[in-house]
Amino acid sequence: MSTTHDELAGVVDLFGALTNTQLADALGELAFKKGQDVDEDALHVEIKSAIDAYALVEYKPADALGEPADESADEPGSETPTDDPETLITVGPTAFPTLPANAEDLPHILDYERRTVDRDRLADQVSQRLTAEATAAVASEDTDRAAELLDVAYDVEMWASVETEEVRSKLAAVLPQD
């Protein structure tokens, strides 16, 4: 089953946030409803691609005791989205959530709780990830990734109360000037 990043975000948006496994199961359910075979590896590649593009973002909520979750457990941008039950996937700054066909039935089919995401905490985590990835792109002089991240930086500012001017300046410095 092939879905766009916006469709993946639409599925996640139905629930507020999902674990990696729950999102893969939801996509598998949609494929089943369409009579398509499910390729688990391909689903995880699609999820990873959406995370790389900031259409989906990983989110670590505070634990049940109200203390910050351990944010060092999984580094953003790892090879595959984490399957840590404490890490959730939610809609990111570059997404325009769109429901794929038959997705509106997923909350009735799947018994997943609707989760609320702390927007300030999420914005902070996305800002930290953006800064780390921008630093890596600049250090490796990866102009393609720097250009992508520059666009993301503008999206992040519109999406949350996050100032990205410093990140944008670093990224712009490695890009060819017109």
Protein backbone atom coordinates (compact mmCIF):
# COMPACT_ATOMS: atom_id res chain seq x y z
CA MET A 1 0.00 0.00 0.00
CA SER A 2 1.35 3.37 -0.97
CA THR A 3 0.29 6.51 0.84
CA THR A 4 1.42 10.10 0.74
CA HIS A 5 2.94 11.83 3.73
CA ASP A 6 -0.24 13.87 4.09
CA GLU A 7 -2.32 10.69 4.13
CA LEU A 8 -0.11 9.19 6.82
CA ALA A 9 -0.59 12.40 8.80
CA GLY A 10 -4.35 12.13 8.26
CA VAL A 11 -4.40 8.65 9.78
CA VAL A 12 -2.35 9.79 12.76
CA ASP A 13 -4.53 12.88 13.18
CA LEU A 14 -7.57 10.66 13.70
CA PHE A 15 -5.99 9.45 16.93
CA GLY A 16 -3.87 12.45 17.97
CA ALA A 17 -0.76 10.27 18.21
CA LEU A 18 0.08 6.62 17.64
CA THR A 19 2.95 4.28 18.35
CA ASN A 20 4.91 3.07 15.33
CA THR A 21 3.25 -0.34 15.62
CA GLN A 22 -0.23 1.16 15.85
CA LEU A 23 0.35 3.29 12.75
CA ALA A 24 1.65 0.29 10.81
CA ASP A 25 -1.41 -1.71 11.95
CA ALA A 26 -3.75 1.10 10.86
CA LEU A 27 -2.09 1.23 7.45
CA GLY A 28 -2.33 -2.55 7.23
CA GLU A 29 -6.04 -2.34 7.98
CA LEU A 30 -6.49 0.22 5.20
CA ALA A 31 -4.60 -2.03 2.76
CA PHE A 32 -6.80 -4.97 3.78
CA LYS A 33 -9.94 -2.91 3.18
CA LYS A 34 -8.64 -2.12 -0.32
CA GLY A 35 -7.83 -5.78 -0.99
CA GLN A 36 -4.10 -5.07 -1.13
CA ASP A 37 -1.27 -7.10 0.31
CA VAL A 38 0.54 -5.64 3.28
CA ASP A 39 4.31 -5.28 3.06
CA GLU A 40 5.40 -4.51 6.63
CA ASP A 41 8.86 -3.37 5.53
CA ALA A 42 7.36 -0.99 2.97
CA LEU A 43 5.03 0.45 5.62
CA HIS A 44 7.96 1.20 7.90
CA VAL A 45 9.87 2.78 4.99
CA GLU A 46 6.86 5.05 4.30
CA ILE A 47 6.64 6.02 7.98
CA LYS A 48 10.39 6.70 8.12
CA SER A 49 10.18 8.83 4.99
CA ALA A 50 7.36 10.92 6.49
CA ILE A 51 9.38 11.39 9.68
CA ASP A 52 12.47 12.42 7.69
CA ALA A 53 10.32 15.00 5.88
CA TYR A 54 8.81 16.30 9.16
CA ALA A 55 5.28 15.36 7.98
CA LEU A 56 5.25 13.08 11.02
CA VAL A 57 7.36 13.63 14.11
CA GLU A 58 8.30 11.48 17.04
CA TYR A 59 7.07 12.70 20.40
CA LYS A 60 8.13 11.64 23.89
CA PRO A 61 5.43 12.57 26.40
CA ALA A 62 6.18 13.15 30.05
CA ASP A 63 5.85 9.93 31.99
CA ALA A 64 2.90 9.15 34.28
CA LEU A 65 4.68 10.72 37.25
CA GLY A 66 4.86 14.06 35.47
CA GLU A 67 8.61 13.94 35.03
CA PRO A 68 10.23 14.38 31.63
CA ALA A 69 10.62 11.20 29.61
CA ASP A 70 14.18 10.12 28.82
CA GLU A 71 14.85 11.91 25.55
CA SER A 72 18.24 10.29 25.06
CA ALA A 73 16.78 6.83 24.46
CA ASP A 74 16.29 7.30 20.72
CA GLU A 75 18.04 9.93 18.66
CA PRO A 76 15.87 11.67 16.08
CA GLY A 77 16.56 10.56 12.55
CA SER A 78 17.53 7.00 13.52
CA GLU A 79 17.31 4.29 10.86
CA THR A 80 13.75 3.25 11.69
CA PRO A 81 11.02 4.90 13.69
CA THR A 82 11.24 3.77 17.27
CA ASP A 83 8.94 1.05 18.53
CA ASP A 84 9.39 2.26 22.09
CA PRO A 85 5.87 2.35 23.57
CA GLU A 86 6.76 5.65 25.25
CA THR A 87 7.53 7.29 21.90
CA LEU A 88 4.57 8.38 19.85
CA ILE A 89 4.25 9.57 16.28
CA THR A 90 2.17 12.66 15.65
CA VAL A 91 1.49 15.16 12.88
CA GLY A 92 4.47 17.32 12.00
CA PRO A 93 4.96 20.84 10.68
CA THR A 94 5.15 20.00 6.96
CA ALA A 95 1.96 17.95 6.81
CA PHE A 96 -1.46 18.84 5.50
CA PRO A 97 -3.36 15.87 6.95
CA THR A 98 -5.60 14.19 4.39
CA LEU A 99 -7.66 11.08 4.99
CA PRO A 100 -7.05 8.23 2.57
CA ALA A 101 -10.09 6.28 1.37
CA ASN A 102 -11.85 4.34 4.16
CA ALA A 103 -9.69 5.88 6.89
CA GLU A 104 -12.68 7.49 8.61
CA ASP A 105 -13.66 4.01 9.82
CA LEU A 106 -10.34 3.33 11.58
CA PRO A 107 -11.36 4.71 15.00
CA HIS A 108 -14.33 2.32 14.97
CA ILE A 109 -12.24 -0.66 13.84
CA LEU A 110 -9.12 -0.13 15.93
CA ASP A 111 -9.49 0.21 19.66
CA TYR A 112 -6.81 2.87 20.10
CA GLU A 113 -7.16 5.64 22.61
CA ARG A 114 -7.27 9.21 21.35
CA ARG A 115 -4.13 10.91 22.66
CA THR A 116 -3.53 14.55 23.38
CA VAL A 117 -0.11 15.94 22.63
CA ASP A 118 1.48 18.69 24.74
CA ARG A 119 2.11 21.18 21.93
CA ASP A 120 4.81 23.09 23.84
CA ARG A 121 6.72 19.91 24.62
CA LEU A 122 6.32 18.72 21.01
CA ALA A 123 7.51 22.08 19.64
CA ASP A 124 10.58 21.92 21.88
CA GLN A 125 11.40 18.38 20.75
CA VAL A 126 10.96 19.26 17.07
CA SER A 127 13.09 22.38 17.52
CA GLN A 128 15.88 20.31 19.12
CA ARG A 129 15.72 17.77 16.30
CA LEU A 130 15.79 20.51 13.64
CA THR A 131 18.79 22.16 15.28
CA ALA A 132 20.69 18.85 15.51
CA GLU A 133 19.93 17.90 11.91
CA ALA A 134 20.82 21.39 10.66
CA THR A 135 24.14 21.24 12.51
CA ALA A 136 24.87 17.84 10.91
CA ALA A 137 23.90 19.05 7.43
CA VAL A 138 26.14 22.11 7.77
CA ALA A 139 29.06 20.08 9.14
CA SER A 140 28.83 17.59 6.26
CA GLU A 141 28.15 20.35 3.73
CA ASP A 142 25.06 18.44 2.58
CA THR A 143 23.44 21.21 0.56
CA ASP A 144 20.45 19.10 -0.48
CA ARG A 145 19.52 18.33 3.12
CA ALA A 146 20.32 21.89 4.17
CA ALA A 147 17.86 23.21 1.56
CA GLU A 148 15.18 20.77 2.78
CA LEU A 149 15.77 21.75 6.40
CA LEU A 150 15.64 25.45 5.54
CA ASP A 151 12.11 24.91 4.20
CA VAL A 152 11.24 22.88 7.30
CA ALA A 153 12.52 25.70 9.54
CA TYR A 154 10.00 28.09 8.02
CA ASP A 155 7.24 25.50 8.45
CA VAL A 156 8.20 24.95 12.09
CA GLU A 157 7.89 28.66 12.85
CA MET A 158 4.39 28.76 11.38
CA TRP A 159 3.39 25.51 13.11
CA ALA A 160 4.57 26.33 16.63
CA SER A 161 5.93 29.15 18.73
CA VAL A 162 9.51 28.33 17.81
CA GLU A 163 12.12 30.79 16.61
CA THR A 164 14.30 29.28 13.89
CA GLU A 165 16.25 32.33 12.68
CA GLU A 166 19.58 31.03 13.99
CA VAL A 167 19.05 27.62 12.37
CA ARG A 168 18.00 29.24 9.10
CA SER A 169 21.13 31.43 9.12
CA LYS A 170 23.40 28.41 9.59
CA LEU A 171 21.65 26.52 6.80
CA ALA A 172 21.63 29.47 4.40
CA ALA A 173 25.37 29.92 4.90
CA VAL A 174 26.10 26.56 3.19
CA LEU A 175 23.66 27.03 0.34
CA PRO A 176 24.70 28.51 -2.99
CA GLN A 177 23.70 32.17 -3.28
CA ASP A 178 21.50 33.14 -6.22
